[in-house]
Amino acid sequence: MSDQNAVERGESGLAWDRLGPTTRRRFIVGSIRLGLGAVAAPVLAEALIGCGQLRGSGKTLTWSRGDDLRTQDPQLISGLMEGTIARVLYDPLMDTDAKGNQVKVLATDWSMAEDGTSYTFKLQPGVKFHDGSDFDADSVVFTYQRLLDNPTFQHASSFKGVLSKVTAVDPMTVRFDLAKPNPGLITSFTEPILCPAAFKQYGADFFKKGIGTGPFKYNSWTPNERWIGDANRNYWVKGMVKLDQIIFRSIREDATRIAALQSGEVDIIDSLSGDQAEQLGKDSNVSIVRSPATNELAITFNVRRDPFKNKDARWAVAYAIDTNNIVTNIVKAGHAVGASIPPGTIGYDDALFKKVIPYDMAKAKASFAQAGIKPGTKISFKLNPAWFAKIKEACEYVGNQLQQLGFQVDMQFLEPGAYTQARKTGDFDMCIQEIGRANNPDPNFTILYVDSAFGNFYKEINPNIVTMIEQARSELDQTKRDNDYKQIQQVLYDDLPELILYQEEFIWGVRKRVTGFEGRTGGDTRVYACDVTS
């Protein structure tokens, strides 16, 4: 890449070109180093390849979560961990920085037509895929056409019924034509750009090779153990890649994962609760990184069947749960909120956001009776305990409250794949869903309410919610669009197909030998720009 096209590094250490003035609230992301005095930790028996240690002249960083890949297809991924791995392999047209501001990556410029029915992108020249083939407009067309050809794919939701055609105007220009205006769609051009040459060489399973333009190349994946990526020494952003290798470790148990961090077997862990962060802050080798989140955790009710077809049953659950207790005494992080669109995003309703449903067991039992529910009615409550800090304990508290209300609660802790399948098929009465509606509420509203991708079947009892979402998506007048999203939130608050438990706070434990790590409002653990010292 010529000096003229070289990308400069910003103050954050990342190279992406931040967009101009943004309406997003700028969240403060702080790194806090706490105390001295290491907490004793058992040494894990299993030897770790790399172990997060310097290996000769090479440098390796190891990070860990409690879950694992469910798919290697970057257009089907949905979890934070899968997204982090995809982001080291692939670059998108657009991305967000640590504070949630939109930035350009493979796009050097973009524009929307005045009538809102097309977007045009100029592309970064001189970029190569890991196999040596060129990135160009045809690569972008291939990526998004694959979504159009596979409308059931997870990532197709934002474009289904909206995107009609993708055209390579010239080798470095691509145009997206829309069936209807969508001024918020710019936030959805974050798809990992795929390699057409890899598809031609390897066929339908080409994604298993992980060939992108990203800062690291795919090495190997051992399910439920580790994923390994090697540095892309020809990465187009000069000077960004400092590590030789990144290793992801799947460690299910919180205590084991924390011990691995303290022993130096891993360098970064995430999804800490407040008390876990306090414990780790006493270790002189560990820094605690906290980020106010834009996401919430919520209960999804299965409105397809009794008892939660009945709104009174849903409100009975809401009144029976003290969400402030979850935040203050269990997770010890985050905030209780009433609505899902966070500050700084179109549709934010300050009064509704602060209108937390009050804990009132008397009202809960009155609603329980109003719904005609018989005491002892059995309900299934399903969750995956590996994804979120103290979610098992929080949901055990919820289950206990519902037992007091009069339900017989069958709580089931499932593996990620089984949990995802249960939600998709509706094999639950209650389940846990993470909601992300910052920047633009439409993609998450569409995935959950229009597509019912994860068991939210609300459109089956209120079809009008689909019409409301589609209307808001296409409204060019920002004031009207803002009001449309406020109305959607009011309907959701009143009818309660989802019950927000709390707005998250993301907390990481990071070995002090790691440099360049930033906490992110989206909770993803970006590691590609990090470095390590001895």
Protein backbone atom coordinates (compact mmCIF):
# COMPACT_ATOMS: atom_id res chain seq x y z
CA MET A 1 0.00 0.00 0.00
CA SER A 2 1.42 3.39 -0.94
CA ASP A 3 2.17 6.13 1.57
CA GLN A 4 -0.71 8.09 0.09
CA ASN A 5 -3.15 5.35 1.07
CA ALA A 6 -1.56 4.42 4.38
CA VAL A 7 -3.87 4.63 7.37
CA GLU A 8 -2.74 6.66 10.35
CA ARG A 9 -3.19 5.50 13.92
CA GLY A 10 -5.42 7.56 16.21
CA GLU A 11 -5.14 8.41 19.89
CA SER A 12 -6.94 5.23 20.87
CA GLY A 13 -4.28 3.12 19.21
CA LEU A 14 -6.73 2.00 16.51
CA ALA A 15 -6.39 3.06 12.93
CA TRP A 16 -9.97 3.47 11.79
CA ASP A 17 -11.23 6.77 10.47
CA ARG A 18 -13.86 7.95 12.96
CA LEU A 19 -16.94 9.54 11.45
CA GLY A 20 -17.82 13.15 12.10
CA PRO A 21 -20.21 14.49 14.77
CA THR A 22 -22.22 11.70 16.29
CA THR A 23 -25.43 11.64 18.28
CA ARG A 24 -24.15 8.69 20.29
CA ARG A 25 -23.49 9.44 23.91
CA ARG A 26 -19.78 9.21 24.63
CA PHE A 27 -19.33 6.70 27.39
CA ILE A 28 -16.31 6.89 29.64
CA VAL A 29 -14.31 3.69 29.60
CA GLY A 30 -11.92 3.49 32.53
CA SER A 31 -9.13 1.12 33.39
CA ILE A 32 -8.77 0.79 37.15
CA ARG A 33 -5.75 -0.72 38.83
CA LEU A 34 -6.64 -1.84 42.30
CA GLY A 35 -4.53 -2.64 45.33
CA LEU A 36 -1.68 -5.02 46.00
CA GLY A 37 -1.48 -8.52 47.33
CA ALA A 38 -2.17 -11.47 45.08
CA VAL A 39 -5.11 -13.74 45.76
CA ALA A 40 -4.05 -17.36 45.96
CA ALA A 41 -5.10 -19.36 42.91
CA PRO A 42 -4.75 -23.04 42.06
CA VAL A 43 -2.60 -23.93 39.11
CA LEU A 44 -4.58 -25.50 36.27
CA ALA A 45 -3.49 -29.03 35.51
CA GLU A 46 -3.79 -28.75 31.74
CA ALA A 47 -0.77 -27.33 29.94
CA LEU A 48 -1.71 -24.51 27.59
CA ILE A 49 -0.14 -24.00 24.21
CA GLY A 50 1.48 -20.58 24.41
CA CYS A 51 0.20 -20.03 27.97
CA GLY A 52 0.07 -16.29 27.31
CA GLN A 53 3.87 -16.23 27.71
CA LEU A 54 6.61 -14.94 25.45
CA ARG A 55 7.73 -17.85 23.25
CA GLY A 56 11.26 -17.18 22.04
CA SER A 57 11.01 -14.21 19.69
CA GLY A 58 7.25 -14.65 19.37
CA LYS A 59 4.52 -13.01 21.42
CA THR A 60 1.26 -14.71 22.30
CA LEU A 61 -1.87 -13.36 24.01
CA THR A 62 -4.44 -15.75 25.47
CA TRP A 63 -7.99 -14.73 26.34
CA SER A 64 -10.88 -16.74 27.70
CA ARG A 65 -14.66 -16.87 28.05
CA GLY A 66 -17.07 -19.44 29.38
CA ASP A 67 -18.51 -20.40 25.99
CA ASP A 68 -17.21 -21.61 22.63
CA LEU A 69 -17.85 -21.22 18.94
CA ARG A 70 -21.18 -22.55 17.75
CA THR A 71 -20.38 -21.91 14.09
CA GLN A 72 -17.45 -20.67 12.04
CA ASP A 73 -19.76 -19.01 9.51
CA PRO A 74 -19.39 -15.25 10.15
CA GLN A 75 -22.87 -14.59 8.79
CA LEU A 76 -24.49 -16.91 11.33
CA ILE A 77 -22.62 -15.90 14.49
CA SER A 78 -24.47 -14.19 17.32
CA GLY A 79 -22.30 -14.37 20.46
CA LEU A 80 -19.68 -11.93 21.78
CA MET A 81 -16.93 -14.53 21.64
CA GLU A 82 -17.76 -15.56 18.06
CA GLY A 83 -17.84 -11.89 17.09
CA THR A 84 -14.42 -11.28 18.63
CA ILE A 85 -12.90 -14.15 16.67
CA ALA A 86 -14.58 -13.03 13.46
CA ARG A 87 -13.21 -9.52 13.92
CA VAL A 88 -9.59 -10.69 14.06
CA LEU A 89 -10.06 -12.65 10.82
CA TYR A 90 -12.27 -10.28 8.85
CA ASP A 91 -12.62 -6.57 8.27
CA PRO A 92 -16.01 -4.90 7.69
CA LEU A 93 -16.88 -1.80 5.70
CA MET A 94 -17.89 -0.04 8.92
CA ASP A 95 -17.28 -0.69 12.61
CA THR A 96 -17.51 1.02 15.99
CA ASP A 97 -14.74 2.21 18.26
CA ALA A 98 -14.53 1.44 21.98
CA LYS A 99 -17.04 4.16 22.86
CA GLY A 100 -19.58 3.11 20.23
CA ASN A 101 -18.80 5.77 17.63
CA GLN A 102 -19.06 4.61 14.03
CA VAL A 103 -15.78 4.36 12.14
CA LYS A 104 -14.84 3.47 8.57
CA VAL A 105 -12.66 0.40 7.98
CA LEU A 106 -12.69 -1.04 4.44
CA ALA A 107 -14.84 1.91 3.41
CA THR A 108 -12.98 5.17 2.83
CA ASP A 109 -16.17 7.17 2.24
CA TRP A 110 -19.91 6.65 2.01
CA SER A 111 -23.06 8.55 1.07
CA MET A 112 -26.80 7.99 1.18
CA ALA A 113 -29.08 9.17 -1.63
CA GLU A 114 -31.38 12.05 -0.70
CA ASP A 115 -34.44 9.81 -0.96
CA GLY A 116 -32.80 7.22 1.31
CA THR A 117 -33.03 4.40 -1.24
CA SER A 118 -29.34 3.76 -1.90
CA TYR A 119 -25.93 3.84 -0.21
CA THR A 120 -22.65 4.21 -2.09
CA PHE A 121 -19.28 3.22 -0.61
CA LYS A 122 -15.77 4.01 -1.74
CA LEU A 123 -13.34 1.25 -0.80
CA GLN A 124 -9.84 1.02 0.64
CA PRO A 125 -7.34 0.23 -2.16
CA GLY A 126 -4.38 -2.10 -1.87
CA VAL A 127 -5.99 -4.57 0.56
CA LYS A 128 -5.30 -8.30 0.23
CA PHE A 129 -7.12 -11.33 1.60
CA HIS A 130 -5.10 -13.89 3.55
CA ASP A 131 -4.81 -16.06 0.42
CA GLY A 132 -3.28 -13.19 -1.55
CA SER A 133 -6.35 -12.37 -3.62
CA ASP A 134 -7.47 -8.75 -3.95
CA PHE A 135 -10.18 -7.07 -1.94
CA ASP A 136 -12.45 -5.03 -4.22
CA ALA A 137 -16.08 -4.19 -4.91
CA ASP A 138 -16.75 -7.75 -6.09
CA SER A 139 -15.81 -8.99 -2.61
CA VAL A 140 -18.43 -6.71 -1.07
CA VAL A 141 -21.04 -7.81 -3.62
CA PHE A 142 -20.25 -11.47 -2.90
CA THR A 143 -20.62 -10.94 0.86
CA TYR A 144 -23.96 -9.16 0.79
CA GLN A 145 -25.39 -11.19 -2.07
CA ARG A 146 -24.82 -14.27 0.08
CA LEU A 147 -27.12 -12.71 2.69
CA LEU A 148 -29.75 -11.94 0.06
CA ASP A 149 -29.54 -15.52 -1.18
CA ASN A 150 -29.88 -16.90 2.36
CA PRO A 151 -32.64 -14.90 4.09
CA THR A 152 -32.71 -17.30 7.05
CA PHE A 153 -29.12 -16.42 7.98
CA GLN A 154 -28.80 -14.61 11.29
CA HIS A 155 -27.21 -11.54 9.70
CA ALA A 156 -29.76 -11.28 6.88
CA SER A 157 -32.39 -9.81 9.20
CA SER A 158 -31.25 -6.19 8.83
CA PHE A 159 -31.35 -6.41 5.03
CA LYS A 160 -34.32 -8.70 4.35
CA GLY A 161 -37.09 -6.79 2.60
CA VAL A 162 -34.87 -3.70 2.51
CA LEU A 163 -31.81 -4.43 0.37
CA SER A 164 -32.77 -5.22 -3.23
CA LYS A 165 -29.46 -5.15 -5.11
CA VAL A 166 -25.70 -4.81 -4.60
CA THR A 167 -23.68 -3.52 -7.54
CA ALA A 168 -19.97 -3.06 -8.22
CA VAL A 169 -19.95 0.39 -9.83
CA ASP A 170 -16.20 0.11 -10.42
CA PRO A 171 -13.43 -1.92 -8.72
CA MET A 172 -13.35 0.43 -5.71
CA THR A 173 -17.00 1.56 -5.57
CA VAL A 174 -20.09 -0.40 -4.53
CA ARG A 175 -23.74 0.66 -4.41
CA PHE A 176 -26.52 -0.81 -2.28
CA ASP A 177 -30.01 -0.24 -3.71
CA LEU A 178 -32.89 -0.44 -1.26
CA ALA A 179 -36.52 -1.40 -1.78
CA LYS A 180 -37.53 1.38 0.59
CA PRO A 181 -35.75 4.17 2.49
CA ASN A 182 -33.73 3.15 5.53
CA PRO A 183 -31.69 6.00 7.02
CA GLY A 184 -30.46 3.85 9.92
CA LEU A 185 -29.09 1.05 7.76
CA ILE A 186 -25.62 2.60 7.81
CA THR A 187 -25.12 1.02 11.24
CA SER A 188 -25.62 -2.46 9.73
CA PHE A 189 -22.76 -2.41 7.22
CA THR A 190 -20.57 -4.22 9.72
CA GLU A 191 -20.60 -7.59 7.96
CA PRO A 192 -17.27 -9.43 7.80
CA ILE A 193 -16.19 -9.14 4.18
CA LEU A 194 -15.77 -12.62 2.70
CA CYS A 195 -13.31 -13.87 0.09
CA PRO A 196 -14.83 -14.89 -3.28
CA ALA A 197 -11.64 -16.74 -4.26
CA ALA A 198 -11.94 -18.92 -1.13
CA PHE A 199 -15.49 -19.85 -2.13
CA LYS A 200 -14.33 -20.80 -5.63
CA GLN A 201 -11.52 -22.93 -4.20
CA TYR A 202 -13.22 -24.60 -1.22
CA GLY A 203 -16.93 -24.52 -2.03
CA ALA A 204 -19.83 -24.06 0.38
CA ASP A 205 -17.71 -24.67 3.50
CA PHE A 206 -15.14 -22.02 2.53
CA PHE A 207 -15.79 -20.13 5.78
CA LYS A 208 -14.07 -22.92 7.73
CA LYS A 209 -10.79 -21.65 6.31
CA GLY A 210 -11.37 -18.22 7.90
CA ILE A 211 -9.91 -16.32 4.94
CA GLY A 212 -10.49 -12.60 5.41
CA THR A 213 -8.51 -9.39 5.20
CA GLY A 214 -8.18 -9.11 9.00
CA PRO A 215 -5.12 -8.69 11.24
CA PHE A 216 -4.86 -12.41 12.07
CA LYS A 217 -5.09 -15.62 10.05
CA TYR A 218 -6.90 -18.79 11.03
CA ASN A 219 -4.63 -21.51 12.44
CA SER A 220 -6.86 -24.08 14.16
CA TRP A 221 -9.92 -24.68 16.31
CA THR A 222 -10.34 -27.51 18.80
CA PRO A 223 -14.01 -27.36 19.90
CA ASN A 224 -14.51 -26.64 23.61
CA GLU A 225 -10.76 -26.19 24.08
CA ARG A 226 -9.03 -23.47 22.05
CA TRP A 227 -9.00 -21.39 18.91
CA ILE A 228 -5.65 -20.14 17.51
CA GLY A 229 -4.94 -17.31 15.10
CA ASP A 230 -1.56 -16.26 13.66
CA ALA A 231 -0.47 -12.72 12.83
CA ASN A 232 -1.17 -11.43 9.33
CA ARG A 233 2.23 -9.90 8.61
CA ASN A 234 0.91 -8.26 5.45
CA TYR A 235 -2.02 -6.54 7.16
CA TRP A 236 -2.95 -3.35 5.32
CA VAL A 237 -3.00 -1.18 8.48
CA LYS A 238 0.72 -0.83 9.01
CA GLY A 239 1.98 -1.18 12.56
CA MET A 240 -1.27 -2.46 14.08
CA VAL A 241 -0.33 -6.13 14.50
CA LYS A 242 2.23 -6.56 17.28
CA LEU A 243 1.45 -10.09 18.47
CA ASP A 244 2.52 -13.28 16.76
CA GLN A 245 -0.41 -15.34 17.93
CA ILE A 246 -3.79 -15.04 19.62
CA ILE A 247 -5.25 -17.98 21.51
CA PHE A 248 -8.82 -18.26 22.75
CA ARG A 249 -9.46 -20.66 25.63
CA SER A 250 -12.92 -22.02 26.41
CA ILE A 251 -13.10 -22.34 30.23
CA ARG A 252 -16.63 -22.89 31.48
CA GLU A 253 -16.27 -22.46 35.24
CA ASP A 254 -15.86 -18.93 36.59
CA ALA A 255 -13.50 -19.98 39.38
CA THR A 256 -11.26 -21.93 37.00
CA ARG A 257 -11.18 -19.05 34.53
CA ILE A 258 -10.25 -16.56 37.27
CA ALA A 259 -7.54 -18.91 38.54
CA ALA A 260 -6.15 -19.19 35.01
CA LEU A 261 -5.89 -15.40 34.83
CA GLN A 262 -4.14 -15.16 38.19
CA SER A 263 -1.68 -17.95 37.36
CA GLY A 264 -0.80 -16.33 34.04
CA GLU A 265 -2.25 -19.12 31.90
CA VAL A 266 -4.57 -16.59 30.27
CA ASP A 267 -4.13 -12.85 29.82
CA ILE A 268 -7.71 -11.56 29.55
CA ILE A 269 -11.08 -12.72 30.84
CA ASP A 270 -14.43 -10.96 30.60
CA SER A 271 -17.97 -11.05 32.00
CA LEU A 272 -16.85 -10.44 35.57
CA SER A 273 -19.32 -9.57 38.29
CA GLY A 274 -18.64 -6.67 40.67
CA ASP A 275 -17.45 -8.89 43.51
CA GLN A 276 -15.21 -10.93 41.19
CA ALA A 277 -13.66 -7.68 39.99
CA GLU A 278 -13.11 -6.61 43.58
CA GLN A 279 -11.36 -9.89 44.34
CA LEU A 280 -9.15 -9.72 41.25
CA GLY A 281 -8.33 -6.07 41.92
CA LYS A 282 -6.27 -7.22 44.91
CA ASP A 283 -3.89 -9.05 42.56
CA SER A 284 -0.92 -6.82 41.76
CA ASN A 285 -0.55 -8.48 38.35
CA VAL A 286 -4.12 -7.78 37.19
CA SER A 287 -5.87 -4.62 36.02
CA ILE A 288 -9.66 -4.25 36.10
CA VAL A 289 -11.19 -2.64 33.01
CA ARG A 290 -14.81 -1.49 33.23
CA SER A 291 -17.12 -0.16 30.54
CA PRO A 292 -20.64 1.20 30.98
CA ALA A 293 -22.73 -0.95 28.63
CA THR A 294 -25.36 -0.14 26.07
CA ASN A 295 -26.87 -3.65 26.31
CA GLU A 296 -29.49 -5.08 28.63
CA LEU A 297 -30.34 -8.56 29.83
CA ALA A 298 -34.01 -9.47 29.64
CA ILE A 299 -36.41 -12.33 30.19
CA THR A 300 -38.21 -13.40 27.03
CA PHE A 301 -41.69 -14.83 27.65
CA ASN A 302 -43.04 -17.52 25.34
CA VAL A 303 -46.30 -15.85 24.36
CA ARG A 304 -47.26 -18.75 22.12
CA ARG A 305 -48.62 -20.73 25.03
CA ASP A 306 -50.10 -20.45 28.51
CA PRO A 307 -49.53 -19.00 30.95
CA PHE A 308 -47.59 -16.19 29.24
CA LYS A 309 -50.03 -15.67 26.39
CA ASN A 310 -51.79 -13.68 29.12
CA LYS A 311 -50.38 -10.20 29.80
CA ASP A 312 -51.38 -10.41 33.48
CA ALA A 313 -49.13 -13.45 33.85
CA ARG A 314 -46.19 -11.51 32.43
CA TRP A 315 -46.84 -8.57 34.75
CA ALA A 316 -47.13 -10.95 37.69
CA VAL A 317 -43.54 -12.05 37.01
CA ALA A 318 -42.40 -8.44 36.61
CA TYR A 319 -43.82 -7.35 39.96
CA ALA A 320 -42.35 -10.41 41.69
CA ILE A 321 -38.73 -9.57 40.77
CA ASP A 322 -36.70 -6.90 42.50
CA THR A 323 -34.34 -5.89 39.70
CA ASN A 324 -32.50 -3.47 41.96
CA ASN A 325 -31.67 -6.41 44.21
CA ILE A 326 -30.13 -8.24 41.23
CA VAL A 327 -27.96 -5.24 40.38
CA THR A 328 -26.96 -4.33 43.94
CA ASN A 329 -26.57 -7.67 45.68
CA ILE A 330 -26.04 -10.36 43.02
CA VAL A 331 -24.32 -9.06 39.89
CA LYS A 332 -22.99 -5.97 41.71
CA ALA A 333 -22.72 -4.13 38.42
CA GLY A 334 -25.02 -2.38 35.98
CA HIS A 335 -28.29 -0.48 36.47
CA ALA A 336 -31.99 -1.27 36.69
CA VAL A 337 -33.84 0.33 33.74
CA GLY A 338 -37.34 0.36 32.31
CA ALA A 339 -36.72 0.57 28.55
CA SER A 340 -34.20 -0.86 26.13
CA ILE A 341 -33.02 2.04 23.91
CA PRO A 342 -30.04 3.63 25.69
CA PRO A 343 -29.14 7.33 25.92
CA GLY A 344 -27.68 8.81 22.76
CA THR A 345 -29.68 6.55 20.42
CA ILE A 346 -32.66 7.61 18.34
CA GLY A 347 -35.86 6.71 20.20
CA TYR A 348 -34.38 7.20 23.67
CA ASP A 349 -37.19 8.04 26.10
CA ASP A 350 -35.72 9.38 29.33
CA ALA A 351 -38.90 8.99 31.38
CA LEU A 352 -39.50 5.40 30.22
CA PHE A 353 -35.84 4.43 30.57
CA LYS A 354 -35.97 5.43 34.23
CA LYS A 355 -39.42 3.90 34.82
CA VAL A 356 -38.22 0.69 36.47
CA ILE A 357 -41.04 -1.73 37.26
CA PRO A 358 -41.31 -1.69 41.08
CA TYR A 359 -41.02 -4.83 43.15
CA ASP A 360 -44.44 -5.52 44.71
CA MET A 361 -45.30 -9.11 45.63
CA ALA A 362 -48.87 -8.15 46.55
CA LYS A 363 -49.42 -6.77 43.02
CA ALA A 364 -47.67 -9.82 41.61
CA LYS A 365 -50.08 -12.19 43.36
CA ALA A 366 -53.06 -10.08 42.30
CA SER A 367 -51.95 -10.26 38.66
CA PHE A 368 -51.27 -13.99 39.06
CA ALA A 369 -54.88 -14.47 40.22
CA GLN A 370 -56.21 -12.11 37.53
CA ALA A 371 -54.53 -14.28 34.90
CA GLY A 372 -56.38 -17.32 36.25
CA ILE A 373 -53.19 -19.25 36.93
CA LYS A 374 -53.52 -22.19 39.30
CA PRO A 375 -50.98 -22.32 42.15
CA GLY A 376 -48.37 -24.97 41.37
CA THR A 377 -48.46 -24.35 37.60
CA LYS A 378 -45.18 -25.63 36.18
CA ILE A 379 -43.08 -23.37 33.97
CA SER A 380 -39.70 -23.98 32.32
CA PHE A 381 -36.97 -21.36 32.70
CA LYS A 382 -34.00 -22.04 30.42
CA LEU A 383 -30.64 -20.33 30.23
CA ASN A 384 -26.99 -20.76 29.37
CA PRO A 385 -24.98 -19.90 32.49
CA ALA A 386 -21.71 -19.31 30.59
CA TRP A 387 -22.54 -16.08 28.81
CA PHE A 388 -23.10 -13.41 31.46
CA ALA A 389 -21.69 -12.49 34.85
CA LYS A 390 -23.55 -14.17 37.74
CA ILE A 391 -26.50 -14.96 35.45
CA LYS A 392 -26.95 -18.36 37.12
CA GLU A 393 -27.24 -16.77 40.55
CA ALA A 394 -29.48 -13.98 39.25
CA CYS A 395 -31.84 -16.46 37.64
CA GLU A 396 -31.88 -18.67 40.71
CA TYR A 397 -33.09 -15.60 42.60
CA VAL A 398 -35.76 -15.06 39.92
CA GLY A 399 -36.80 -18.70 40.19
CA ASN A 400 -37.12 -18.42 43.97
CA GLN A 401 -39.32 -15.32 43.62
CA LEU A 402 -41.57 -17.11 41.15
CA GLN A 403 -41.88 -20.07 43.52
CA GLN A 404 -43.13 -17.60 46.15
CA LEU A 405 -45.55 -16.21 43.57
CA GLY A 406 -47.09 -19.63 43.03
CA PHE A 407 -45.28 -21.17 40.07
CA GLN A 408 -43.41 -24.46 40.11
CA VAL A 409 -40.21 -23.50 38.29
CA ASP A 410 -38.22 -26.02 36.27
CA MET A 411 -34.90 -24.22 35.79
CA GLN A 412 -32.63 -25.74 33.17
CA PHE A 413 -29.00 -24.78 32.53
CA LEU A 414 -28.16 -25.72 28.94
CA GLU A 415 -25.09 -25.85 26.73
CA PRO A 416 -24.95 -22.96 24.19
CA GLY A 417 -26.10 -25.02 21.20
CA ALA A 418 -29.01 -26.65 23.04
CA TYR A 419 -29.99 -23.30 24.53
CA THR A 420 -30.05 -21.57 21.15
CA GLN A 421 -32.12 -24.40 19.70
CA ALA A 422 -34.61 -24.28 22.58
CA ARG A 423 -35.18 -20.56 22.02
CA LYS A 424 -35.57 -20.88 18.27
CA THR A 425 -38.10 -23.70 18.54
CA GLY A 426 -40.05 -22.20 21.44
CA ASP A 427 -39.22 -25.05 23.81
CA PHE A 428 -39.36 -22.86 26.94
CA ASP A 429 -41.70 -20.68 28.98
CA MET A 430 -39.04 -18.15 29.98
CA CYS A 431 -35.50 -17.65 28.73
CA ILE A 432 -32.74 -15.03 28.90
CA GLN A 433 -31.93 -12.74 25.97
CA GLU A 434 -29.31 -10.02 25.62
CA ILE A 435 -30.70 -6.89 23.97
CA GLY A 436 -28.47 -4.49 22.01
CA ARG A 437 -30.27 -1.43 20.64
CA ALA A 438 -27.59 1.25 20.71
CA ASN A 439 -26.82 3.31 17.59
CA ASN A 440 -29.86 2.00 15.73
CA PRO A 441 -32.65 -0.04 17.37
CA ASP A 442 -33.85 -1.55 14.10
CA PRO A 443 -31.52 -4.57 13.68
CA ASN A 444 -32.28 -5.95 17.13
CA PHE A 445 -36.00 -5.16 16.88
CA THR A 446 -36.08 -6.90 13.49
CA ILE A 447 -34.16 -9.98 14.62
CA LEU A 448 -36.28 -10.50 17.73
CA TYR A 449 -39.74 -9.22 16.78
CA VAL A 450 -39.99 -9.46 13.00
CA ASP A 451 -37.98 -12.68 12.54
CA SER A 452 -38.62 -14.27 15.97
CA ALA A 453 -35.03 -15.50 15.68
CA PHE A 454 -34.60 -16.31 19.37
CA GLY A 455 -38.05 -17.27 20.54
CA ASN A 456 -39.69 -13.85 20.82
CA PHE A 457 -43.05 -14.64 19.22
CA TYR A 458 -44.76 -11.39 20.18
CA LYS A 459 -45.84 -10.68 16.59
CA GLU A 460 -48.13 -13.73 16.82
CA ILE A 461 -50.29 -11.98 19.43
CA ASN A 462 -49.66 -8.43 18.20
CA PRO A 463 -48.96 -8.37 14.43
CA ASN A 464 -48.99 -4.58 14.53
CA ILE A 465 -45.53 -4.57 16.11
CA VAL A 466 -44.07 -5.62 12.74
CA THR A 467 -45.82 -2.74 10.98
CA MET A 468 -44.55 -0.30 13.61
CA ILE A 469 -40.96 -1.51 13.25
CA GLU A 470 -41.06 -1.38 9.45
CA GLN A 471 -42.53 2.13 9.54
CA ALA A 472 -39.83 3.41 11.90
CA ARG A 473 -37.11 1.83 9.79
CA SER A 474 -38.17 3.68 6.62
CA GLU A 475 -38.94 7.11 8.10
CA LEU A 476 -36.55 9.78 6.75
CA ASP A 477 -37.74 12.54 9.08
CA GLN A 478 -35.57 12.12 12.18
CA THR A 479 -38.13 13.66 14.52
CA LYS A 480 -40.87 11.34 13.31
CA ARG A 481 -38.53 8.35 13.41
CA ASP A 482 -37.55 9.19 16.96
CA ASN A 483 -41.23 9.32 17.93
CA ASP A 484 -41.91 6.01 16.14
CA TYR A 485 -39.30 4.23 18.26
CA LYS A 486 -40.67 5.81 21.43
CA GLN A 487 -44.10 4.44 20.57
CA ILE A 488 -42.64 0.97 19.97
CA GLN A 489 -40.96 1.08 23.37
CA GLN A 490 -44.20 2.17 25.05
CA VAL A 491 -46.06 -0.79 23.51
CA LEU A 492 -43.33 -3.16 24.69
CA TYR A 493 -43.37 -1.66 28.18
CA ASP A 494 -47.16 -1.99 28.46
CA ASP A 495 -47.50 -5.45 26.92
CA LEU A 496 -44.24 -6.86 28.32
CA PRO A 497 -43.18 -9.59 25.86
CA GLU A 498 -39.71 -9.03 27.33
CA LEU A 499 -38.85 -8.03 30.89
CA ILE A 500 -35.62 -6.07 31.25
CA LEU A 501 -33.66 -7.28 34.26
CA TYR A 502 -30.88 -4.70 34.10
CA GLN A 503 -28.56 -2.69 31.89
CA GLU A 504 -25.20 -4.42 31.90
CA GLU A 505 -21.78 -3.17 32.87
CA PHE A 506 -18.90 -4.98 31.19
CA ILE A 507 -15.88 -5.84 33.33
CA TRP A 508 -12.63 -7.45 32.21
CA GLY A 509 -9.67 -8.82 34.14
CA VAL A 510 -6.43 -8.10 32.25
CA ARG A 511 -2.87 -9.14 33.07
CA LYS A 512 -0.73 -6.04 33.40
CA ARG A 513 1.67 -7.34 30.80
CA VAL A 514 -1.04 -6.63 28.20
CA THR A 515 -0.91 -3.17 26.62
CA GLY A 516 -3.37 -1.45 24.32
CA PHE A 517 -6.51 -3.17 25.62
CA GLU A 518 -9.72 -1.11 25.73
CA GLY A 519 -13.07 -1.91 27.32
CA ARG A 520 -15.93 -1.50 24.86
CA THR A 521 -19.54 -0.44 25.36
CA GLY A 522 -20.63 -3.45 23.28
CA GLY A 523 -18.81 -5.90 25.55
CA ASP A 524 -16.72 -7.53 22.83
CA THR A 525 -13.13 -8.35 23.72
CA ARG A 526 -11.04 -6.81 20.91
CA VAL A 527 -7.49 -8.14 21.06
CA TYR A 528 -6.04 -7.57 17.61
CA ALA A 529 -4.32 -4.24 18.44
CA CYS A 530 -2.90 -5.41 21.80
CA ASP A 531 0.69 -6.12 22.70
CA VAL A 532 2.36 -7.99 25.58
CA THR A 533 5.52 -7.44 27.59
CA SER A 534 7.65 -10.02 29.35
